[in-house]
N, C-alpha and C. Protein backbone atom coordinates (compact mmCIF):
# COMPACT_ATOMS: atom_id res chain seq x y z
N MET A 1 139.63 123.95 86.25
CA MET A 1 138.62 124.47 85.35
C MET A 1 138.09 123.34 84.47
N THR A 2 136.78 123.22 84.39
CA THR A 2 136.17 122.16 83.59
C THR A 2 136.26 122.50 82.11
N LYS A 3 136.65 121.52 81.33
CA LYS A 3 136.65 121.65 79.87
C LYS A 3 135.48 120.84 79.35
N TRP A 4 134.83 121.35 78.31
CA TRP A 4 133.61 120.75 77.79
C TRP A 4 133.78 120.29 76.35
N GLU A 5 133.02 119.28 75.98
CA GLU A 5 132.86 118.94 74.58
C GLU A 5 131.39 119.12 74.25
N TYR A 6 131.12 119.54 73.03
CA TYR A 6 129.77 119.90 72.61
C TYR A 6 129.34 119.08 71.41
N VAL A 7 128.02 118.97 71.24
CA VAL A 7 127.47 118.29 70.07
C VAL A 7 126.15 118.96 69.72
N THR A 8 125.87 119.04 68.42
CA THR A 8 124.55 119.48 67.97
C THR A 8 123.83 118.25 67.42
N VAL A 9 122.56 118.13 67.79
CA VAL A 9 121.80 116.93 67.47
C VAL A 9 120.47 117.32 66.83
N PRO A 10 120.17 116.81 65.63
CA PRO A 10 118.85 117.07 65.06
C PRO A 10 117.79 116.27 65.83
N LEU A 11 116.69 116.93 66.15
CA LEU A 11 115.59 116.28 66.87
C LEU A 11 114.36 116.20 65.98
N LEU A 12 113.81 115.03 65.86
CA LEU A 12 112.54 114.88 65.16
C LEU A 12 111.43 114.95 66.20
N THR A 13 110.38 115.70 65.92
CA THR A 13 109.35 115.95 66.93
C THR A 13 108.68 114.68 67.42
N HIS A 14 108.62 113.64 66.61
CA HIS A 14 107.97 112.40 67.04
C HIS A 14 108.90 111.49 67.87
N ALA A 15 110.18 111.84 68.00
CA ALA A 15 111.13 110.98 68.73
C ALA A 15 112.04 111.79 69.65
N THR A 16 111.61 112.97 70.05
CA THR A 16 112.46 113.85 70.84
C THR A 16 112.93 113.22 72.14
N LYS A 17 112.02 112.64 72.91
CA LYS A 17 112.39 112.06 74.20
C LYS A 17 113.39 110.93 74.03
N GLN A 18 113.18 110.06 73.10
CA GLN A 18 114.10 108.93 72.87
C GLN A 18 115.49 109.43 72.49
N ILE A 19 115.56 110.42 71.62
CA ILE A 19 116.85 110.96 71.18
C ILE A 19 117.59 111.60 72.36
N LEU A 20 116.86 112.44 73.13
CA LEU A 20 117.49 113.10 74.28
C LEU A 20 117.92 112.09 75.35
N ASP A 21 117.09 111.07 75.59
CA ASP A 21 117.45 110.03 76.57
C ASP A 21 118.73 109.30 76.16
N ASN A 22 118.87 109.01 74.87
CA ASN A 22 120.07 108.31 74.39
C ASN A 22 121.32 109.16 74.62
N TRP A 23 121.25 110.45 74.30
CA TRP A 23 122.41 111.32 74.51
C TRP A 23 122.67 111.53 76.00
N GLY A 24 121.60 111.61 76.78
CA GLY A 24 121.76 111.75 78.23
C GLY A 24 122.44 110.54 78.84
N ASP A 25 122.13 109.35 78.33
CA ASP A 25 122.80 108.13 78.80
C ASP A 25 124.30 108.17 78.52
N ASP A 26 124.69 108.91 77.49
CA ASP A 26 126.11 109.06 77.15
C ASP A 26 126.78 110.20 77.91
N GLY A 27 126.02 110.81 78.84
CA GLY A 27 126.62 111.83 79.70
C GLY A 27 126.42 113.26 79.23
N TYR A 28 125.65 113.47 78.17
CA TYR A 28 125.43 114.82 77.67
C TYR A 28 124.28 115.50 78.40
N GLU A 29 124.42 116.81 78.59
CA GLU A 29 123.42 117.66 79.21
C GLU A 29 122.86 118.60 78.16
N LEU A 30 121.54 118.72 78.11
CA LEU A 30 120.90 119.62 77.16
C LEU A 30 121.14 121.07 77.56
N VAL A 31 121.61 121.87 76.60
CA VAL A 31 121.89 123.28 76.85
C VAL A 31 120.79 124.15 76.23
N ALA A 32 120.41 123.85 74.99
CA ALA A 32 119.40 124.66 74.31
C ALA A 32 118.78 123.86 73.18
N VAL A 33 117.56 124.25 72.81
CA VAL A 33 116.88 123.70 71.64
C VAL A 33 116.45 124.89 70.78
N VAL A 34 116.79 124.83 69.50
CA VAL A 34 116.45 125.91 68.58
C VAL A 34 115.74 125.32 67.35
N PRO A 35 114.99 126.14 66.62
CA PRO A 35 114.33 125.65 65.41
C PRO A 35 115.34 125.13 64.39
N GLY A 36 114.94 124.09 63.71
CA GLY A 36 115.80 123.50 62.68
C GLY A 36 115.49 124.05 61.30
N PRO A 37 116.00 123.37 60.27
CA PRO A 37 115.84 123.86 58.91
C PRO A 37 114.42 123.74 58.37
N ASN A 38 113.57 122.93 59.01
CA ASN A 38 112.18 122.84 58.57
C ASN A 38 111.26 122.77 59.79
N ALA A 39 109.97 122.84 59.56
CA ALA A 39 108.99 122.95 60.66
C ALA A 39 108.93 121.70 61.54
N GLU A 40 109.33 120.56 61.03
CA GLU A 40 109.24 119.33 61.81
C GLU A 40 110.55 118.97 62.50
N GLN A 41 111.53 119.83 62.47
CA GLN A 41 112.82 119.49 63.05
C GLN A 41 113.30 120.59 63.99
N LEU A 42 113.89 120.15 65.08
CA LEU A 42 114.55 121.04 66.03
C LEU A 42 116.01 120.63 66.11
N VAL A 43 116.85 121.51 66.64
CA VAL A 43 118.27 121.19 66.84
C VAL A 43 118.58 121.39 68.31
N ALA A 44 119.16 120.36 68.93
CA ALA A 44 119.55 120.42 70.34
C ALA A 44 121.05 120.66 70.43
N TYR A 45 121.43 121.56 71.33
CA TYR A 45 122.84 121.78 71.64
C TYR A 45 123.09 121.14 73.00
N MET A 46 124.10 120.26 73.06
CA MET A 46 124.38 119.51 74.27
C MET A 46 125.86 119.59 74.63
N LYS A 47 126.15 119.36 75.91
CA LYS A 47 127.55 119.40 76.36
C LYS A 47 127.77 118.32 77.41
N ARG A 48 129.05 117.96 77.58
CA ARG A 48 129.46 117.09 78.68
C ARG A 48 130.91 117.40 79.01
N PRO A 49 131.31 117.16 80.24
CA PRO A 49 132.71 117.41 80.62
C PRO A 49 133.64 116.50 79.84
N LYS A 50 134.79 117.05 79.42
CA LYS A 50 135.82 116.22 78.78
C LYS A 50 136.49 115.36 79.84
N GLU A 51 136.84 114.17 79.44
CA GLU A 51 137.53 113.28 80.37
C GLU A 51 139.02 113.32 80.16
């Protein structure tokens, strides 16, 4: 059975691709994006298998 580790990441709308690419390079997979605390921010939920 796969065990996962999770992270929540604040996303700024002007740098979303760069932020997601950096986390993807570290092995994280995007699970969901939800609205953040203000109109210019989103929050990404990401996961990767535990080693």
